[in-house]
Amino acid sequence: MTGTRFIRAVLVTDGRSSRLPAVLAALAALQRKPDVLHLVLVADAALPELPGGIAVDIFRTAAPTFGRAVDALLAVRASALLPRTRGDGT
C-alpha cells in the first residue's frame, strides 16, 4: 500500500437543517479535503449551494431513513466506493 489515501465523505440530508451550508463549507475548508463528497439527497430535498474546491457526487433517493439512504448509495455506487488497489490485491 502506498502512503496516499483516498478520502471519501458521505453526507445524507433531507434539506431541512439550517446547518447544512456550514457543514458543506467546513468540509471544503479542511486542510485535507475529502477527495470526493457523496451528497445523498433524500426525498425532494433541494440541492444546496455547493462550495467550490471540493468534488461532489450528488445522489438522490426516496429512502425513508438516512440509513436506508446510505444503503441505496452503496447499492448503486458500490464499485466506485470500494477502496482503490494497485491491481495486485493490495
PDB file of N, CA and C in Angstrom:
ATOM      1  N   MET A   1       0.837  -1.175   0.000  1.00  0.00           N
ATOM      2  CA  MET A   1       0.000   0.000   0.000  1.00  0.00           C
ATOM      3  C   MET A   1       0.882   1.237   0.000  1.00  0.00           C
ATOM      4  N   THR A   2       0.503   2.209  -0.768  1.00  0.00           N
ATOM      5  CA  THR A   2       1.270   3.446  -0.827  1.00  0.00           C
ATOM      6  C   THR A   2       0.870   4.342   0.333  1.00  0.00           C
ATOM      7  N   GLY A   3       1.581   5.433   0.506  1.00  0.00           N
ATOM      8  CA  GLY A   3       1.264   6.383   1.565  1.00  0.00           C
ATOM      9  C   GLY A   3       0.098   7.291   1.213  1.00  0.00           C
ATOM     10  N   THR A   4      -0.400   7.193  -0.008  1.00  0.00           N
ATOM     11  CA  THR A   4      -1.507   8.034  -0.432  1.00  0.00           C
ATOM     12  C   THR A   4      -2.823   7.404  -0.029  1.00  0.00           C
ATOM     13  N   ARG A   5      -3.694   8.193   0.526  1.00  0.00           N
ATOM     14  CA  ARG A   5      -5.014   7.710   0.917  1.00  0.00           C
ATOM     15  C   ARG A   5      -6.071   8.454   0.116  1.00  0.00           C
ATOM     16  N   PHE A   6      -7.142   7.738  -0.201  1.00  0.00           N
ATOM     17  CA  PHE A   6      -8.282   8.328  -0.892  1.00  0.00           C
ATOM     18  C   PHE A   6      -9.366   8.499   0.156  1.00  0.00           C
ATOM     19  N   ILE A   7      -9.737   9.729   0.425  1.00  0.00           N
ATOM     20  CA  ILE A   7     -10.692  10.011   1.493  1.00  0.00           C
ATOM     21  C   ILE A   7     -12.040  10.372   0.893  1.00  0.00           C
ATOM     22  N   ARG A   8     -13.078   9.702   1.396  1.00  0.00           N
ATOM     23  CA  ARG A   8     -14.444   9.977   0.978  1.00  0.00           C
ATOM     24  C   ARG A   8     -15.231  10.495   2.173  1.00  0.00           C
ATOM     25  N   ALA A   9     -16.230  11.304   1.875  1.00  0.00           N
ATOM     26  CA  ALA A   9     -17.188  11.715   2.891  1.00  0.00           C
ATOM     27  C   ALA A   9     -18.571  11.432   2.339  1.00  0.00           C
ATOM     28  N   VAL A  10     -19.460  10.966   3.198  1.00  0.00           N
ATOM     29  CA  VAL A  10     -20.852  10.742   2.818  1.00  0.00           C
ATOM     30  C   VAL A  10     -21.698  11.617   3.716  1.00  0.00           C
ATOM     31  N   LEU A  11     -22.517  12.459   3.103  1.00  0.00           N
ATOM     32  CA  LEU A  11     -23.404  13.352   3.835  1.00  0.00           C
ATOM     33  C   LEU A  11     -24.817  13.110   3.329  1.00  0.00           C
ATOM     34  N   VAL A  12     -25.701  12.719   4.238  1.00  0.00           N
ATOM     35  CA  VAL A  12     -27.101  12.472   3.888  1.00  0.00           C
ATOM     36  C   VAL A  12     -27.926  13.614   4.446  1.00  0.00           C
ATOM     37  N   THR A  13     -28.809  14.172   3.618  1.00  0.00           N
ATOM     38  CA  THR A  13     -29.637  15.282   4.073  1.00  0.00           C
ATOM     39  C   THR A  13     -31.031  15.224   3.475  1.00  0.00           C
ATOM     40  N   ASP A  14     -31.985  15.674   4.281  1.00  0.00           N
ATOM     41  CA  ASP A  14     -33.337  15.860   3.758  1.00  0.00           C
ATOM     42  C   ASP A  14     -33.558  17.336   3.440  1.00  0.00           C
ATOM     43  N   GLY A  15     -32.515  18.129   3.595  1.00  0.00           N
ATOM     44  CA  GLY A  15     -32.550  19.539   3.250  1.00  0.00           C
ATOM     45  C   GLY A  15     -33.159  20.446   4.301  1.00  0.00           C
ATOM     46  N   ARG A  16     -33.574  19.892   5.431  1.00  0.00           N
ATOM     47  CA  ARG A  16     -34.258  20.711   6.436  1.00  0.00           C
ATOM     48  C   ARG A  16     -33.318  21.384   7.425  1.00  0.00           C
ATOM     49  N   SER A  17     -32.089  20.943   7.516  1.00  0.00           N
ATOM     50  CA  SER A  17     -31.175  21.506   8.511  1.00  0.00           C
ATOM     51  C   SER A  17     -30.662  22.871   8.072  1.00  0.00           C
ATOM     52  N   SER A  18     -30.761  23.820   8.975  1.00  0.00           N
ATOM     53  CA  SER A  18     -30.218  25.147   8.678  1.00  0.00           C
ATOM     54  C   SER A  18     -28.691  25.137   8.741  1.00  0.00           C
ATOM     55  N   ARG A  19     -28.114  24.054   9.260  1.00  0.00           N
ATOM     56  CA  ARG A  19     -26.655  23.952   9.399  1.00  0.00           C
ATOM     57  C   ARG A  19     -25.970  23.364   8.166  1.00  0.00           C
ATOM     58  N   LEU A  20     -26.744  22.911   7.199  1.00  0.00           N
ATOM     59  CA  LEU A  20     -26.160  22.270   6.021  1.00  0.00           C
ATOM     60  C   LEU A  20     -25.131  23.155   5.316  1.00  0.00           C
ATOM     61  N   PRO A  21     -25.412  24.419   5.042  1.00  0.00           N
ATOM     62  CA  PRO A  21     -24.392  25.251   4.387  1.00  0.00           C
ATOM     63  C   PRO A  21     -23.093  25.336   5.190  1.00  0.00           C
ATOM     64  N   ALA A  22     -23.199  25.407   6.510  1.00  0.00           N
ATOM     65  CA  ALA A  22     -21.998  25.482   7.350  1.00  0.00           C
ATOM     66  C   ALA A  22     -21.215  24.171   7.298  1.00  0.00           C
ATOM     67  N   VAL A  23     -21.914  23.049   7.268  1.00  0.00           N
ATOM     68  CA  VAL A  23     -21.237  21.747   7.191  1.00  0.00           C
ATOM     69  C   VAL A  23     -20.504  21.623   5.856  1.00  0.00           C
ATOM     70  N   LEU A  24     -21.162  21.993   4.774  1.00  0.00           N
ATOM     71  CA  LEU A  24     -20.519  21.930   3.454  1.00  0.00           C
ATOM     72  C   LEU A  24     -19.308  22.854   3.390  1.00  0.00           C
ATOM     73  N   ALA A  25     -19.443  24.054   3.934  1.00  0.00           N
ATOM     74  CA  ALA A  25     -18.317  24.996   3.943  1.00  0.00           C
ATOM     75  C   ALA A  25     -17.161  24.455   4.784  1.00  0.00           C
ATOM     76  N   ALA A  26     -17.472  23.814   5.904  1.00  0.00           N
ATOM     77  CA  ALA A  26     -16.422  23.250   6.759  1.00  0.00           C
ATOM     78  C   ALA A  26     -15.677  22.131   6.045  1.00  0.00           C
ATOM     79  N   LEU A  27     -16.400  21.289   5.315  1.00  0.00           N
ATOM     80  CA  LEU A  27     -15.739  20.224   4.551  1.00  0.00           C
ATOM     81  C   LEU A  27     -14.819  20.810   3.494  1.00  0.00           C
ATOM     82  N   ALA A  28     -15.275  21.857   2.821  1.00  0.00           N
ATOM     83  CA  ALA A  28     -14.471  22.482   1.772  1.00  0.00           C
ATOM     84  C   ALA A  28     -13.262  23.219   2.335  1.00  0.00           C
ATOM     85  N   ALA A  29     -13.331  23.618   3.606  1.00  0.00           N
ATOM     86  CA  ALA A  29     -12.242  24.380   4.221  1.00  0.00           C
ATOM     87  C   ALA A  29     -11.201  23.502   4.904  1.00  0.00           C
ATOM     88  N   LEU A  30     -11.438  22.209   4.968  1.00  0.00           N
ATOM     89  CA  LEU A  30     -10.482  21.322   5.615  1.00  0.00           C
ATOM     90  C   LEU A  30      -9.122  21.394   4.941  1.00  0.00           C
ATOM     91  N   GLN A  31      -8.078  21.279   5.744  1.00  0.00           N
ATOM     92  CA  GLN A  31      -6.736  21.250   5.167  1.00  0.00           C
ATOM     93  C   GLN A  31      -6.585  20.026   4.269  1.00  0.00           C
ATOM     94  N   ARG A  32      -7.059  18.884   4.731  1.00  0.00           N
ATOM     95  CA  ARG A  32      -7.057  17.655   3.915  1.00  0.00           C
ATOM     96  C   ARG A  32      -8.500  17.350   3.541  1.00  0.00           C
ATOM     97  N   LYS A  33      -8.924  17.953   2.435  1.00  0.00           N
ATOM     98  CA  LYS A  33     -10.302  17.781   1.986  1.00  0.00           C
ATOM     99  C   LYS A  33     -10.550  16.340   1.554  1.00  0.00           C
ATOM    100  N   PRO A  34     -11.805  15.892   1.666  1.00  0.00           N
ATOM    101  CA  PRO A  34     -12.139  14.592   1.078  1.00  0.00           C
ATOM    102  C   PRO A  34     -11.891  14.661  -0.430  1.00  0.00           C
ATOM    103  N   ASP A  35     -11.454  13.554  -0.998  1.00  0.00           N
ATOM    104  CA  ASP A  35     -11.269  13.510  -2.448  1.00  0.00           C
ATOM    105  C   ASP A  35     -12.603  13.586  -3.166  1.00  0.00           C
ATOM    106  N   VAL A  36     -13.636  13.104  -2.505  1.00  0.00           N
ATOM    107  CA  VAL A  36     -14.989  13.211  -3.049  1.00  0.00           C
ATOM    108  C   VAL A  36     -15.980  13.232  -1.890  1.00  0.00           C
ATOM    109  N   LEU A  37     -17.000  14.068  -2.037  1.00  0.00           N
ATOM    110  CA  LEU A  37     -18.113  14.115  -1.101  1.00  0.00           C
ATOM    111  C   LEU A  37     -19.316  13.508  -1.806  1.00  0.00           C
ATOM    112  N   HIS A  38     -19.853  12.439  -1.231  1.00  0.00           N
ATOM    113  CA  HIS A  38     -21.075  11.840  -1.753  1.00  0.00           C
ATOM    114  C   HIS A  38     -22.226  12.502  -1.004  1.00  0.00           C
ATOM    115  N   LEU A  39     -22.924  13.391  -1.679  1.00  0.00           N
ATOM    116  CA  LEU A  39     -24.041  14.120  -1.084  1.00  0.00           C
ATOM    117  C   LEU A  39     -25.321  13.387  -1.445  1.00  0.00           C
ATOM    118  N   VAL A  40     -25.951  12.779  -0.442  1.00  0.00           N
ATOM    119  CA  VAL A  40     -27.165  11.990  -0.650  1.00  0.00           C
ATOM    120  C   VAL A  40     -28.355  12.853  -0.264  1.00  0.00           C
ATOM    121  N   LEU A  41     -29.193  13.165  -1.251  1.00  0.00           N
ATOM    122  CA  LEU A  41     -30.384  13.977  -1.024  1.00  0.00           C
ATOM    123  C   LEU A  41     -31.591  13.051  -0.906  1.00  0.00           C
ATOM    124  N   VAL A  42     -32.271  13.133   0.229  1.00  0.00           N
ATOM    125  CA  VAL A  42     -33.412  12.264   0.496  1.00  0.00           C
ATOM    126  C   VAL A  42     -34.694  12.960   0.058  1.00  0.00           C
ATOM    127  N   ALA A  43     -35.584  12.153  -0.535  1.00  0.00           N
ATOM    128  CA  ALA A  43     -36.902  12.617  -0.974  1.00  0.00           C
ATOM    129  C   ALA A  43     -36.753  13.794  -1.931  1.00  0.00           C
ATOM    130  N   ASP A  44     -37.439  14.880  -1.650  1.00  0.00           N
ATOM    131  CA  ASP A  44     -37.415  16.022  -2.571  1.00  0.00           C
ATOM    132  C   ASP A  44     -36.521  17.147  -2.055  1.00  0.00           C
ATOM    133  N   ALA A  45     -35.488  16.796  -1.327  1.00  0.00           N
ATOM    134  CA  ALA A  45     -34.575  17.803  -0.794  1.00  0.00           C
ATOM    135  C   ALA A  45     -33.990  18.643  -1.929  1.00  0.00           C
ATOM    136  N   ALA A  46     -33.984  19.944  -1.710  1.00  0.00           N
ATOM    137  CA  ALA A  46     -33.412  20.848  -2.703  1.00  0.00           C
ATOM    138  C   ALA A  46     -31.898  20.730  -2.684  1.00  0.00           C
ATOM    139  N   LEU A  47     -31.301  20.884  -3.832  1.00  0.00           N
ATOM    140  CA  LEU A  47     -29.844  20.866  -3.929  1.00  0.00           C
ATOM    141  C   LEU A  47     -29.312  22.140  -3.276  1.00  0.00           C
ATOM    142  N   PRO A  48     -28.495  21.993  -2.242  1.00  0.00           N
ATOM    143  CA  PRO A  48     -27.944  23.188  -1.596  1.00  0.00           C
ATOM    144  C   PRO A  48     -26.873  23.825  -2.467  1.00  0.00           C
ATOM    145  N   GLU A  49     -26.549  25.065  -2.147  1.00  0.00           N
ATOM    146  CA  GLU A  49     -25.433  25.712  -2.827  1.00  0.00           C
ATOM    147  C   GLU A  49     -24.167  24.983  -2.401  1.00  0.00           C
ATOM    148  N   LEU A  50     -23.377  24.616  -3.382  1.00  0.00           N
ATOM    149  CA  LEU A  50     -22.177  23.831  -3.106  1.00  0.00           C
ATOM    150  C   LEU A  50     -20.943  24.734  -3.128  1.00  0.00           C
ATOM    151  N   PRO A  51     -20.075  24.564  -2.134  1.00  0.00           N
ATOM    152  CA  PRO A  51     -18.855  25.371  -2.113  1.00  0.00           C
ATOM    153  C   PRO A  51     -17.888  24.893  -3.183  1.00  0.00           C
ATOM    154  N   GLY A  52     -17.033  25.774  -3.619  1.00  0.00           N
ATOM    155  CA  GLY A  52     -16.011  25.379  -4.572  1.00  0.00           C
ATOM    156  C   GLY A  52     -14.894  24.635  -3.883  1.00  0.00           C
ATOM    157  N   GLY A  53     -14.052  24.004  -4.684  1.00  0.00           N
ATOM    158  CA  GLY A  53     -12.862  23.369  -4.144  1.00  0.00           C
ATOM    159  C   GLY A  53     -13.059  21.969  -3.614  1.00  0.00           C
ATOM    160  N   ILE A  54     -14.229  21.369  -3.847  1.00  0.00           N
ATOM    161  CA  ILE A  54     -14.463  20.011  -3.395  1.00  0.00           C
ATOM    162  C   ILE A  54     -15.316  19.289  -4.444  1.00  0.00           C
ATOM    163  N   ALA A  55     -14.906  18.072  -4.769  1.00  0.00           N
ATOM    164  CA  ALA A  55     -15.651  17.280  -5.755  1.00  0.00           C
ATOM    165  C   ALA A  55     -16.885  16.687  -5.076  1.00  0.00           C
ATOM    166  N   VAL A  56     -18.047  16.865  -5.695  1.00  0.00           N
ATOM    167  CA  VAL A  56     -19.299  16.406  -5.099  1.00  0.00           C
ATOM    168  C   VAL A  56     -20.004  15.452  -6.063  1.00  0.00           C
ATOM    169  N   ASP A  57     -20.338  14.274  -5.544  1.00  0.00           N
ATOM    170  CA  ASP A  57     -21.163  13.293  -6.255  1.00  0.00           C
ATOM    171  C   ASP A  57     -22.556  13.412  -5.658  1.00  0.00           C
ATOM    172  N   ILE A  58     -23.532  13.835  -6.449  1.00  0.00           N
ATOM    173  CA  ILE A  58     -24.898  14.025  -5.957  1.00  0.00           C
ATOM    174  C   ILE A  58     -25.710  12.777  -6.250  1.00  0.00           C
ATOM    175  N   PHE A  59     -26.362  12.274  -5.214  1.00  0.00           N
ATOM    176  CA  PHE A  59     -27.165  11.055  -5.327  1.00  0.00           C
ATOM    177  C   PHE A  59     -28.524  11.327  -4.697  1.00  0.00           C
ATOM    178  N   ARG A  60     -29.591  11.058  -5.446  1.00  0.00           N
ATOM    179  CA  ARG A  60     -30.952  11.248  -4.926  1.00  0.00           C
ATOM    180  C   ARG A  60     -31.588   9.897  -4.655  1.00  0.00           C
ATOM    181  N   THR A  61     -32.382   9.851  -3.575  1.00  0.00           N
ATOM    182  CA  THR A  61     -33.081   8.623  -3.226  1.00  0.00           C
ATOM    183  C   THR A  61     -34.388   8.969  -2.503  1.00  0.00           C
ATOM    184  N   ALA A  62     -35.334   8.063  -2.595  1.00  0.00           N
ATOM    185  CA  ALA A  62     -36.603   8.221  -1.874  1.00  0.00           C
ATOM    186  C   ALA A  62     -36.603   7.373  -0.606  1.00  0.00           C
ATOM    187  N   ALA A  63     -35.440   6.967  -0.157  1.00  0.00           N
ATOM    188  CA  ALA A  63     -35.326   6.111   1.034  1.00  0.00           C
ATOM    189  C   ALA A  63     -36.011   6.774   2.232  1.00  0.00           C
ATOM    190  N   PRO A  64     -36.689   5.970   3.066  1.00  0.00           N
ATOM    191  CA  PRO A  64     -37.436   6.535   4.192  1.00  0.00           C
ATOM    192  C   PRO A  64     -36.586   6.904   5.407  1.00  0.00           C
ATOM    193  N   THR A  65     -35.351   6.426   5.476  1.00  0.00           N
ATOM    194  CA  THR A  65     -34.473   6.754   6.608  1.00  0.00           C
ATOM    195  C   THR A  65     -33.079   7.079   6.072  1.00  0.00           C
ATOM    196  N   PHE A  66     -32.297   7.735   6.906  1.00  0.00           N
ATOM    197  CA  PHE A  66     -30.933   8.061   6.493  1.00  0.00           C
ATOM    198  C   PHE A  66     -30.117   6.793   6.290  1.00  0.00           C
ATOM    199  N   GLY A  67     -30.310   5.801   7.137  1.00  0.00           N
ATOM    200  CA  GLY A  67     -29.592   4.526   6.991  1.00  0.00           C
ATOM    201  C   GLY A  67     -29.899   3.857   5.669  1.00  0.00           C
ATOM    202  N   ARG A  68     -31.158   3.847   5.297  1.00  0.00           N
ATOM    203  CA  ARG A  68     -31.533   3.245   4.009  1.00  0.00           C
ATOM    204  C   ARG A  68     -31.030   4.089   2.834  1.00  0.00           C
ATOM    205  N   ALA A  69     -30.880   5.384   3.053  1.00  0.00           N
ATOM    206  CA  ALA A  69     -30.314   6.243   2.005  1.00  0.00           C
ATOM    207  C   ALA A  69     -28.861   5.855   1.737  1.00  0.00           C
ATOM    208  N   VAL A  70     -28.106   5.578   2.798  1.00  0.00           N
ATOM    209  CA  VAL A  70     -26.720   5.121   2.634  1.00  0.00           C
ATOM    210  C   VAL A  70     -26.713   3.754   1.954  1.00  0.00           C
ATOM    211  N   ASP A  71     -27.621   2.863   2.353  1.00  0.00           N
ATOM    212  CA  ASP A  71     -27.734   1.553   1.691  1.00  0.00           C
ATOM    213  C   ASP A  71     -27.982   1.717   0.198  1.00  0.00           C
ATOM    214  N   ALA A  72     -28.860   2.656  -0.167  1.00  0.00           N
ATOM    215  CA  ALA A  72     -29.170   2.896  -1.584  1.00  0.00           C
ATOM    216  C   ALA A  72     -27.941   3.398  -2.331  1.00  0.00           C
ATOM    217  N   LEU A  73     -27.194   4.307  -1.702  1.00  0.00           N
ATOM    218  CA  LEU A  73     -25.952   4.803  -2.310  1.00  0.00           C
ATOM    219  C   LEU A  73     -24.985   3.658  -2.549  1.00  0.00           C
ATOM    220  N   LEU A  74     -24.810   2.819  -1.549  1.00  0.00           N
ATOM    221  CA  LEU A  74     -23.881   1.690  -1.678  1.00  0.00           C
ATOM    222  C   LEU A  74     -24.340   0.707  -2.748  1.00  0.00           C
ATOM    223  N   ALA A  75     -25.642   0.483  -2.851  1.00  0.00           N
ATOM    224  CA  ALA A  75     -26.163  -0.459  -3.840  1.00  0.00           C
ATOM    225  C   ALA A  75     -25.899   0.023  -5.267  1.00  0.00           C
ATOM    226  N   VAL A  76     -25.996   1.314  -5.475  1.00  0.00           N
ATOM    227  CA  VAL A  76     -25.839   1.867  -6.827  1.00  0.00           C
ATOM    228  C   VAL A  76     -24.385   2.186  -7.148  1.00  0.00           C
ATOM    229  N   ARG A  77     -23.650   2.666  -6.173  1.00  0.00           N
ATOM    230  CA  ARG A  77     -22.287   3.132  -6.418  1.00  0.00           C
ATOM    231  C   ARG A  77     -21.238   2.213  -5.784  1.00  0.00           C
ATOM    232  N   ALA A  78     -21.597   0.974  -5.489  1.00  0.00           N
ATOM    233  CA  ALA A  78     -20.709   0.080  -4.738  1.00  0.00           C
ATOM    234  C   ALA A  78     -19.318  -0.018  -5.343  1.00  0.00           C
ATOM    235  N   SER A  79     -19.204  -0.242  -6.630  1.00  0.00           N
ATOM    236  CA  SER A  79     -17.879  -0.430  -7.214  1.00  0.00           C
ATOM    237  C   SER A  79     -17.041   0.843  -7.120  1.00  0.00           C
ATOM    238  N   ALA A  80     -17.675   2.000  -7.196  1.00  0.00           N
ATOM    239  CA  ALA A  80     -16.943   3.259  -7.093  1.00  0.00           C
ATOM    240  C   ALA A  80     -16.529   3.554  -5.656  1.00  0.00           C
ATOM    241  N   LEU A  81     -17.200   2.938  -4.691  1.00  0.00           N
ATOM    242  CA  LEU A  81     -16.912   3.219  -3.293  1.00  0.00           C
ATOM    243  C   LEU A  81     -15.904   2.264  -2.681  1.00  0.00           C
ATOM    244  N   LEU A  82     -15.552   1.211  -3.409  1.00  0.00           N
ATOM    245  CA  LEU A  82     -14.583   0.254  -2.887  1.00  0.00           C
ATOM    246  C   LEU A  82     -13.207   0.897  -2.814  1.00  0.00           C
ATOM    247  N   PRO A  83     -12.393   0.487  -1.857  1.00  0.00           N
ATOM    248  CA  PRO A  83     -11.040   1.045  -1.776  1.00  0.00           C
ATOM    249  C   PRO A  83     -10.268   0.776  -3.056  1.00  0.00           C
ATOM    250  N   ARG A  84      -9.476   1.722  -3.451  1.00  0.00           N
ATOM    251  CA  ARG A  84      -8.653   1.552  -4.651  1.00  0.00           C
ATOM    252  C   ARG A  84      -7.464   0.665  -4.324  1.00  0.00           C
ATOM    253  N   THR A  85      -7.102  -0.193  -5.267  1.00  0.00           N
ATOM    254  CA  THR A  85      -5.945  -1.063  -5.077  1.00  0.00           C
ATOM    255  C   THR A  85      -4.956  -0.816  -6.204  1.00  0.00           C
ATOM    256  N   ARG A  86      -3.794  -1.424  -6.053  1.00  0.00           N
ATOM    257  CA  ARG A  86      -2.758  -1.268  -7.071  1.00  0.00           C
ATOM    258  C   ARG A  86      -2.947  -2.272  -8.200  1.00  0.00           C
ATOM    259  N   GLY A  87      -3.973  -3.094  -8.151  1.00  0.00           N
ATOM    260  CA  GLY A  87      -4.184  -4.087  -9.185  1.00  0.00           C
ATOM    261  C   GLY A  87      -3.651  -5.454  -8.798  1.00  0.00           C
ATOM    262  N   ASP A  88      -2.914  -5.533  -7.697  1.00  0.00           N
ATOM    263  CA  ASP A  88      -2.389  -6.818  -7.257  1.00  0.00           C
ATOM    264  C   ASP A  88      -3.073  -7.278  -5.966  1.00  0.00           C
ATOM    265  N   GLY A  89      -4.223  -6.650  -5.665  1.00  0.00           N
ATOM    266  CA  GLY A  89      -4.996  -7.029  -4.482  1.00  0.00           C
ATOM    267  C   GLY A  89      -4.587  -6.317  -3.218  1.00  0.00           C
ATOM    268  N   THR A  90      -3.632  -5.390  -3.321  1.00  0.00           N
ATOM    269  CA  THR A  90      -3.194  -4.648  -2.116  1.00  0.00           C
ATOM    270  C   THR A  90      -3.585  -3.203  -2.222  1.00  0.00           C
TER     271      THR A  90
END
